[in-house]
C-alpha atoms as a PDB file:
ATOM      1  CA  MET A   1     -15.725  -6.460 -13.826  1.00  0.00           C
ATOM      2  CA  LYS A   2     -15.352  -8.505 -17.041  1.00  0.00           C
ATOM      3  CA  SER A   3     -13.283  -5.734 -18.584  1.00  0.00           C
ATOM      4  CA  VAL A   4     -11.052  -5.564 -15.488  1.00  0.00           C
ATOM      5  CA  GLY A   5     -10.172  -9.263 -15.272  1.00  0.00           C
ATOM      6  CA  PRO A   6      -7.946  -9.620 -18.369  1.00  0.00           C
ATOM      7  CA  LYS A   7      -5.881  -6.593 -17.339  1.00  0.00           C
ATOM      8  CA  LEU A   8      -5.069  -8.319 -14.040  1.00  0.00           C
ATOM      9  CA  VAL A   9      -3.748 -11.544 -15.576  1.00  0.00           C
ATOM     10  CA  PRO A  10      -0.097 -10.309 -15.588  1.00  0.00           C
ATOM     11  CA  PHE A  11      -0.369  -9.463 -11.889  1.00  0.00           C
ATOM     12  CA  PHE A  12      -1.632 -12.907 -10.895  1.00  0.00           C
ATOM     13  CA  LYS A  13       0.955 -14.629 -13.099  1.00  0.00           C
ATOM     14  CA  THR A  14       3.863 -12.643 -11.667  1.00  0.00           C
ATOM     15  CA  VAL A  15       2.651 -13.200  -8.091  1.00  0.00           C
ATOM     16  CA  ALA A  16       2.460 -16.946  -8.769  1.00  0.00           C
ATOM     17  CA  ILE A  17       5.980 -16.911 -10.218  1.00  0.00           C
ATOM     18  CA  PHE A  18       7.280 -15.049  -7.169  1.00  0.00           C
ATOM     19  CA  PHE A  19       5.834 -17.532  -4.672  1.00  0.00           C
ATOM     20  CA  VAL A  20       6.988 -20.526  -6.690  1.00  0.00           C
ATOM     21  CA  LEU A  21      10.551 -19.211  -6.799  1.00  0.00           C
ATOM     22  CA  PHE A  22      10.851 -17.244  -3.566  1.00  0.00           C
ATOM     23  CA  GLY A  23       7.822 -18.114  -1.443  1.00  0.00           C
ATOM     24  CA  GLN A  24       9.894 -19.305   1.493  1.00  0.00           C
ATOM     25  CA  GLU A  25      12.810 -16.874   1.569  1.00  0.00           C
ATOM     26  CA  GLU A  26      14.208 -13.711   0.051  1.00  0.00           C
ATOM     27  CA  LYS A  27      17.591 -13.262  -1.571  1.00  0.00           C
ATOM     28  CA  ALA A  28      19.733 -10.187  -2.163  1.00  0.00           C
ATOM     29  CA  SER A  29      20.086 -10.681  -5.911  1.00  0.00           C
ATOM     30  CA  ILE A  30      19.121  -8.860  -9.084  1.00  0.00           C
ATOM     31  CA  PHE A  31      16.944 -11.768 -10.211  1.00  0.00           C
ATOM     32  CA  PHE A  32      15.039 -11.755  -6.915  1.00  0.00           C
ATOM     33  CA  CYS A  33      14.626  -7.986  -7.195  1.00  0.00           C
ATOM     34  CA  ILE A  34      13.141  -8.267 -10.688  1.00  0.00           C
ATOM     35  CA  VAL A  35      10.744 -11.059  -9.738  1.00  0.00           C
ATOM     36  CA  LYS A  36       9.702  -9.214  -6.567  1.00  0.00           C
ATOM     37  CA  CYS A  37       8.964  -5.964  -8.420  1.00  0.00           C
ATOM     38  CA  LEU A  38       7.102  -7.485 -11.380  1.00  0.00           C
ATOM     39  CA  PRO A  39       3.693  -7.736  -9.620  1.00  0.00           C
ATOM     40  CA  VAL A  40       3.792  -4.052  -8.653  1.00  0.00           C
ATOM     41  CA  ILE A  41       4.987  -3.107 -12.140  1.00  0.00           C
ATOM     42  CA  SER A  42       2.050  -5.041 -13.606  1.00  0.00           C
ATOM     43  CA  LEU A  43      -0.283  -3.025 -11.339  1.00  0.00           C
ATOM     44  CA  ILE A  44       1.328   0.191 -12.581  1.00  0.00           C
ATOM     45  CA  VAL A  45       0.440  -0.923 -16.120  1.00  0.00           C
ATOM     46  CA  PHE A  46      -3.073  -1.816 -14.912  1.00  0.00           C
ATOM     47  CA  VAL A  47      -3.593   1.704 -13.560  1.00  0.00           C
ATOM     48  CA  LEU A  48      -2.240   3.238 -16.778  1.00  0.00           C
ATOM     49  CA  LEU A  49      -4.591   1.103 -18.878  1.00  0.00           C
ATOM     50  CA  HIS A  50      -7.527   2.685 -17.062  1.00  0.00           C
ATOM     51  CA  GLY A  51      -6.516   6.048 -18.444  1.00  0.00           C
ATOM     52  CA  MET A  52      -4.120   8.738 -17.346  1.00  0.00           C
ATOM     53  CA  SER A  53      -3.956  12.464 -17.992  1.00  0.00           C
ATOM     54  CA  PHE A  54      -3.517  15.743 -16.165  1.00  0.00           C
ATOM     55  CA  ASP A  55      -7.269  16.353 -16.101  1.00  0.00           C
ATOM     56  CA  GLU A  56      -8.863  16.850 -12.704  1.00  0.00           C
ATOM     57  CA  CYS A  57     -10.909  13.658 -13.033  1.00  0.00           C
ATOM     58  CA  TYR A  58      -7.691  11.605 -13.149  1.00  0.00           C
ATOM     59  CA  ARG A  59      -6.304  13.074  -9.937  1.00  0.00           C
ATOM     60  CA  TYR A  60      -7.083   9.929  -7.944  1.00  0.00           C
ATOM     61  CA  SER A  61      -5.456   7.632 -10.510  1.00  0.00           C
ATOM     62  CA  ARG A  62      -2.345   9.830 -10.719  1.00  0.00           C
ATOM     63  CA  ARG A  63      -1.799   9.676  -6.978  1.00  0.00           C
ATOM     64  CA  ILE A  64      -2.268   5.903  -6.855  1.00  0.00           C
ATOM     65  CA  LEU A  65       0.165   5.598  -9.774  1.00  0.00           C
ATOM     66  CA  VAL A  66       2.835   7.643  -7.982  1.00  0.00           C
ATOM     67  CA  GLY A  67       2.295   5.556  -4.841  1.00  0.00           C
ATOM     68  CA  LEU A  68       2.865   2.355  -6.806  1.00  0.00           C
ATOM     69  CA  ILE A  69       6.021   3.744  -8.414  1.00  0.00           C
ATOM     70  CA  PHE A  70       7.524   4.686  -5.061  1.00  0.00           C
ATOM     71  CA  SER A  71       6.497   1.289  -3.677  1.00  0.00           C
ATOM     72  CA  ALA A  72       8.511  -0.378  -6.435  1.00  0.00           C
ATOM     73  CA  ILE A  73      11.470   1.893  -5.615  1.00  0.00           C
ATOM     74  CA  GLY A  74      11.138   0.951  -1.944  1.00  0.00           C
ATOM     75  CA  ASP A  75      11.067  -2.739  -2.897  1.00  0.00           C
ATOM     76  CA  ILE A  76      14.371  -2.330  -4.726  1.00  0.00           C
ATOM     77  CA  PHE A  77      16.077  -0.691  -1.744  1.00  0.00           C
ATOM     78  CA  LEU A  78      14.767  -3.326   0.671  1.00  0.00           C
ATOM     79  CA  VAL A  79      16.131  -6.215  -1.405  1.00  0.00           C
ATOM     80  CA  TRP A  80      19.579  -5.027  -0.257  1.00  0.00           C
ATOM     81  CA  LYS A  81      18.443  -3.693   3.138  1.00  0.00           C
ATOM     82  CA  SER A  82      21.671  -4.858   4.804  1.00  0.00           C
ATOM     83  CA  THR A  83      23.573  -2.261   2.760  1.00  0.00           C
ATOM     84  CA  PRO A  84      24.041   0.875   4.919  1.00  0.00           C
ATOM     85  CA  GLY A  85      21.358   3.464   4.202  1.00  0.00           C
ATOM     86  CA  ASN A  86      19.146   1.226   2.052  1.00  0.00           C
ATOM     87  CA  MET A  87      16.731   0.393   4.863  1.00  0.00           C
ATOM     88  CA  GLU A  88      16.149   4.074   5.550  1.00  0.00           C
ATOM     89  CA  LEU A  89      15.798   4.905   1.831  1.00  0.00           C
ATOM     90  CA  GLY A  90      13.338   2.058   1.403  1.00  0.00           C
ATOM     91  CA  LEU A  91      11.297   3.298   4.348  1.00  0.00           C
ATOM     92  CA  LEU A  92      11.279   6.844   2.961  1.00  0.00           C
ATOM     93  CA  SER A  93      10.149   5.550  -0.445  1.00  0.00           C
ATOM     94  CA  PHE A  94       7.244   3.730   1.152  1.00  0.00           C
ATOM     95  CA  ALA A  95       6.502   6.810   3.264  1.00  0.00           C
ATOM     96  CA  ILE A  96       5.994   8.789   0.046  1.00  0.00           C
ATOM     97  CA  ALA A  97       3.768   5.985  -1.239  1.00  0.00           C
ATOM     98  CA  GLN A  98       1.615   6.178   1.916  1.00  0.00           C
ATOM     99  CA  ILE A  99       1.326   9.954   1.562  1.00  0.00           C
ATOM    100  CA  MET A 100       0.177   9.605  -2.054  1.00  0.00           C
ATOM    101  CA  TYR A 101      -2.357   6.912  -1.166  1.00  0.00           C
ATOM    102  CA  ALA A 102      -3.735   8.985   1.715  1.00  0.00           C
ATOM    103  CA  ARG A 103      -3.995  12.039  -0.559  1.00  0.00           C
ATOM    104  CA  ALA A 104      -5.830   9.941  -3.135  1.00  0.00           C
ATOM    105  CA  PHE A 105      -8.332   8.702  -0.538  1.00  0.00           C
ATOM    106  CA  GLY A 106      -8.970  12.290   0.554  1.00  0.00           C
ATOM    107  CA  TRP A 107     -10.120  13.917   3.790  1.00  0.00           C
ATOM    108  CA  ARG A 108     -13.890  13.903   3.362  1.00  0.00           C
ATOM    109  CA  PRO A 109     -15.825  12.556   5.102  1.00  0.00           C
ATOM    110  CA  LEU A 110     -13.553  12.922   8.124  1.00  0.00           C
ATOM    111  CA  LYS A 111     -14.962  10.061  10.272  1.00  0.00           C
ATOM    112  CA  PRO A 112     -12.836  10.576  13.420  1.00  0.00           C
ATOM    113  CA  TYR A 113     -13.790   7.283  15.096  1.00  0.00           C
ATOM    114  CA  PRO A 114     -11.848   5.022  12.708  1.00  0.00           C
ATOM    115  CA  GLY A 115      -9.014   7.552  12.938  1.00  0.00           C
ATOM    116  CA  SER A 116      -8.998   7.244  16.733  1.00  0.00           C
ATOM    117  CA  ALA A 117      -8.897   3.439  16.456  1.00  0.00           C
ATOM    118  CA  PHE A 118      -5.911   3.515  14.103  1.00  0.00           C
ATOM    119  CA  LEU A 119      -4.184   6.103  16.311  1.00  0.00           C
ATOM    120  CA  LEU A 120      -4.605   3.805  19.313  1.00  0.00           C
ATOM    121  CA  LEU A 121      -3.263   0.865  17.309  1.00  0.00           C
ATOM    122  CA  GLY A 122      -0.216   2.891  16.249  1.00  0.00           C
ATOM    123  CA  LEU A 123       0.490   3.967  19.826  1.00  0.00           C
ATOM    124  CA  VAL A 124       0.223   0.403  21.139  1.00  0.00           C
ATOM    125  CA  VAL A 125       2.557  -0.967  18.468  1.00  0.00           C
ATOM    126  CA  TYR A 126       5.093   1.836  18.930  1.00  0.00           C
ATOM    127  CA  SER A 127       5.087   1.475  22.704  1.00  0.00           C
ATOM    128  CA  TYR A 128       5.916  -2.195  22.173  1.00  0.00           C
ATOM    129  CA  LEU A 129       8.640  -1.620  19.562  1.00  0.00           C
ATOM    130  CA  GLN A 130      10.356   1.493  20.916  1.00  0.00           C
ATOM    131  CA  ILE A 131      12.674  -0.466  23.228  1.00  0.00           C
ATOM    132  CA  TYR A 132      13.988  -2.407  20.206  1.00  0.00           C
ATOM    133  CA  VAL A 133      14.438   0.466  17.730  1.00  0.00           C
ATOM    134  CA  THR A 134      17.617   2.547  17.854  1.00  0.00           C
ATOM    135  CA  GLY A 135      19.463   5.149  15.807  1.00  0.00           C
ATOM    136  CA  LEU A 136      17.760   6.889  12.905  1.00  0.00           C
ATOM    137  CA  MET A 137      15.059   4.235  12.840  1.00  0.00           C
ATOM    138  CA  ALA A 138      13.902   5.442  16.255  1.00  0.00           C
ATOM    139  CA  TYR A 139      12.633   8.557  14.446  1.00  0.00           C
ATOM    140  CA  LEU A 140      11.693   7.049  11.091  1.00  0.00           C
ATOM    141  CA  ALA A 141       9.636   4.194  12.581  1.00  0.00           C
ATOM    142  CA  PRO A 142       7.039   6.360  14.412  1.00  0.00           C
ATOM    143  CA  PHE A 143       6.952   8.745  11.439  1.00  0.00           C
ATOM    144  CA  TYR A 144       6.169   5.902   9.043  1.00  0.00           C
ATOM    145  CA  MET A 145       3.729   4.308  11.489  1.00  0.00           C
ATOM    146  CA  THR A 146       1.807   7.573  11.645  1.00  0.00           C
ATOM    147  CA  LEU A 147       1.645   7.734   7.855  1.00  0.00           C
ATOM    148  CA  ILE A 148       0.421   4.192   7.294  1.00  0.00           C
ATOM    149  CA  CYS A 149      -2.178   4.442  10.075  1.00  0.00           C
ATOM    150  CA  THR A 150      -3.392   7.697   8.516  1.00  0.00           C
ATOM    151  CA  MET A 151      -3.551   6.061   5.090  1.00  0.00           C
ATOM    152  CA  ALA A 152      -5.589   3.141   6.459  1.00  0.00           C
ATOM    153  CA  TRP A 153      -7.923   5.572   8.268  1.00  0.00           C
ATOM    154  CA  ARG A 154      -8.575   7.570   5.096  1.00  0.00           C
ATOM    155  CA  ALA A 155      -9.162   4.415   3.058  1.00  0.00           C
ATOM    156  CA  MET A 156     -11.741   3.222   5.590  1.00  0.00           C
ATOM    157  CA  ALA A 157     -13.360   6.643   5.937  1.00  0.00           C
ATOM    158  CA  ARG A 158     -14.189   6.932   2.233  1.00  0.00           C
ATOM    159  CA  VAL A 159     -16.303   3.742   2.220  1.00  0.00           C
ATOM    160  CA  GLN A 160     -19.968   4.741   2.290  1.00  0.00           C
ATOM    161  CA  PHE A 161     -23.392   3.405   1.416  1.00  0.00           C
ATOM    162  CA  TYR A 162     -24.776   4.384  -1.983  1.00  0.00           C
ATOM    163  CA  ASP A 163     -28.377   3.293  -2.504  1.00  0.00           C
ATOM    164  CA  ASP A 164     -27.881   0.552   0.093  1.00  0.00           C
ATOM    165  CA  LEU A 165     -25.022  -1.014  -1.877  1.00  0.00           C
ATOM    166  CA  TRP A 166     -21.323  -0.944  -1.063  1.00  0.00           C
ATOM    167  CA  THR A 167     -19.128   0.477  -3.787  1.00  0.00           C
ATOM    168  CA  TRP A 168     -16.789  -2.441  -4.433  1.00  0.00           C
ATOM    169  CA  THR A 169     -13.865  -0.315  -5.642  1.00  0.00           C
ATOM    170  CA  LYS A 170     -13.790   1.641  -2.391  1.00  0.00           C
ATOM    171  CA  LEU A 171     -14.048  -1.600  -0.436  1.00  0.00           C
ATOM    172  CA  CYS A 172     -11.041  -2.907  -2.382  1.00  0.00           C
ATOM    173  CA  GLY A 173      -9.057   0.196  -1.461  1.00  0.00           C
ATOM    174  CA  CYS A 174     -10.036  -0.190   2.189  1.00  0.00           C
ATOM    175  CA  ALA A 175      -9.114  -3.888   2.257  1.00  0.00           C
ATOM    176  CA  GLY A 176      -5.831  -3.102   0.524  1.00  0.00           C
ATOM    177  CA  ALA A 177      -4.953  -0.437   3.083  1.00  0.00           C
ATOM    178  CA  VAL A 178      -5.651  -2.815   5.985  1.00  0.00           C
ATOM    179  CA  CYS A 179      -3.498  -5.512   4.326  1.00  0.00           C
ATOM    180  CA  PHE A 180      -0.697  -2.951   3.932  1.00  0.00           C
ATOM    181  CA  LEU A 181      -0.911  -2.159   7.625  1.00  0.00           C
ATOM    182  CA  ILE A 182      -0.772  -5.866   8.533  1.00  0.00           C
ATOM    183  CA  SER A 183       2.206  -6.447   6.226  1.00  0.00           C
ATOM    184  CA  ASP A 184       4.202  -3.599   7.738  1.00  0.00           C
ATOM    185  CA  LEU A 185       3.328  -4.593  11.298  1.00  0.00           C
ATOM    186  CA  VAL A 186       4.637  -8.100  10.654  1.00  0.00           C
ATOM    187  CA  ILE A 187       7.805  -6.625   9.122  1.00  0.00           C
ATOM    188  CA  ALA A 188       8.384  -4.368  12.133  1.00  0.00           C
ATOM    189  CA  ILE A 189       7.762  -7.033  14.771  1.00  0.00           C
ATOM    190  CA  ASN A 190       9.769  -9.671  12.917  1.00  0.00           C
ATOM    191  CA  MET A 191      12.709  -7.327  12.236  1.00  0.00           C
ATOM    192  CA  PHE A 192      12.985  -5.523  15.554  1.00  0.00           C
ATOM    193  CA  ALA A 193      11.291  -7.627  18.233  1.00  0.00           C
ATOM    194  CA  VAL A 194      10.594 -11.356  17.852  1.00  0.00           C
ATOM    195  CA  SER A 195      10.876 -13.814  14.998  1.00  0.00           C
ATOM    196  CA  ILE A 196       7.513 -14.662  13.421  1.00  0.00           C
ATOM    197  CA  PRO A 197       7.070 -18.093  11.795  1.00  0.00           C
ATOM    198  CA  CYS A 198       6.594 -17.897   8.000  1.00  0.00           C
ATOM    199  CA  ALA A 199       7.105 -14.128   8.235  1.00  0.00           C
ATOM    200  CA  HIS A 200       8.338 -13.778   4.638  1.00  0.00           C
ATOM    201  CA  THR A 201       5.270 -15.539   3.231  1.00  0.00           C
ATOM    202  CA  ILE A 202       2.853 -13.541   5.403  1.00  0.00           C
ATOM    203  CA  ILE A 203       4.548 -10.243   4.555  1.00  0.00           C
ATOM    204  CA  MET A 204       4.548 -10.786   0.799  1.00  0.00           C
ATOM    205  CA  LEU A 205       1.013 -12.206   0.653  1.00  0.00           C
ATOM    206  CA  THR A 206      -0.445  -9.248   2.522  1.00  0.00           C
ATOM    207  CA  TYR A 207       1.779  -6.794   0.626  1.00  0.00           C
ATOM    208  CA  TYR A 208       0.681  -7.963  -2.817  1.00  0.00           C
ATOM    209  CA  ALA A 209      -2.943  -8.142  -1.627  1.00  0.00           C
ATOM    210  CA  ALA A 210      -2.571  -4.553  -0.396  1.00  0.00           C
ATOM    211  CA  GLN A 211      -1.235  -3.198  -3.671  1.00  0.00           C
ATOM    212  CA  PHE A 212      -3.838  -5.219  -5.578  1.00  0.00           C
ATOM    213  CA  GLY A 213      -6.747  -3.787  -3.563  1.00  0.00           C
ATOM    214  CA  ILE A 214      -5.474  -0.212  -3.737  1.00  0.00           C
ATOM    215  CA  SER A 215      -4.883  -0.517  -7.494  1.00  0.00           C
ATOM    216  CA  LEU A 216      -8.399  -1.883  -8.049  1.00  0.00           C
ATOM    217  CA  SER A 217      -9.790   1.241  -6.421  1.00  0.00           C
ATOM    218  CA  VAL A 218      -8.898   3.261  -9.548  1.00  0.00           C
ATOM    219  CA  VAL A 219     -11.676   1.494 -11.455  1.00  0.00           C
ATOM    220  CA  ASP A 220     -14.506   4.027 -11.891  1.00  0.00           C
ATOM    221  CA  SER A 221     -12.485   6.595  -9.924  1.00  0.00           C
ATOM    222  CA  GLN A 222     -12.865   9.079 -12.797  1.00  0.00           C
ATOM    223  CA  ALA A 223     -16.645   8.998 -12.355  1.00  0.00           C
ATOM    224  CA  ASP A 224     -16.258   9.563  -8.607  1.00  0.00           C
ATOM    225  CA  GLU A 225     -13.972  12.527  -9.261  1.00  0.00           C
ATOM    226  CA  LEU A 226     -16.466  14.033 -11.723  1.00  0.00           C
ATOM    227  CA  ILE A 227     -19.240  13.720  -9.136  1.00  0.00           C
ATOM    228  CA  ARG A 228     -17.003  15.362  -6.531  1.00  0.00           C
ATOM    229  CA  ILE A 229     -16.147  18.231  -8.890  1.00  0.00           C
ATOM    230  CA  GLN A 230     -19.806  18.815  -9.751  1.00  0.00           C
ATOM    231  CA  LYS A 231     -20.782  18.915  -6.080  1.00  0.00           C
ATOM    232  CA  SER A 232     -18.019  21.412  -5.294  1.00  0.00           C
ATOM    233  CA  GLN A 233     -19.151  23.834  -8.028  1.00  0.00           C
END
């Protein structure tokens, strides 16, 4: 953990700068866009510093990296979400990010019970929001909700006991996925249904916590991939 800490300093600094400058509200400006994206960009650098190649053992890190890149792209579109088409493009960018995260987390072990719980949560939220969502978003919203619930399910499913100890990197990924789900639920309810007090602060806190946790999960991921490859041979 000592070797991880210094690499995270830029992330914590950029998050602090964001909340000092824009903790209460967002603005459709280039400066706001840069400050908003800097924490995710610093996490992209963090993932790269842990090694990157086309070897099989870096498959997990590559997928997390692509997810972070598309998250940053989605952030840019959503800064100007009032511009026609930007909201949909931002949602599609984050949809790709969720797909990459879910692919990184994998499908084994399956663990259907957490999946059923997230499915039920998605159905409840969609049944509540569907009367407020119109146009193209009426199709994109359930599509994205399915993706993020799947991503959270796969993040939770990969957490296991190893010699009676929790693997902290997998716990970080799981916590990050749950924070992502909370952030997007607050966005959806606040945007389409009812106004939530301090919504901007809640959304950004949980969003940065989500990307932080998911990014931390790349630590030691190469060793996990090597173990997986050896077991499959």
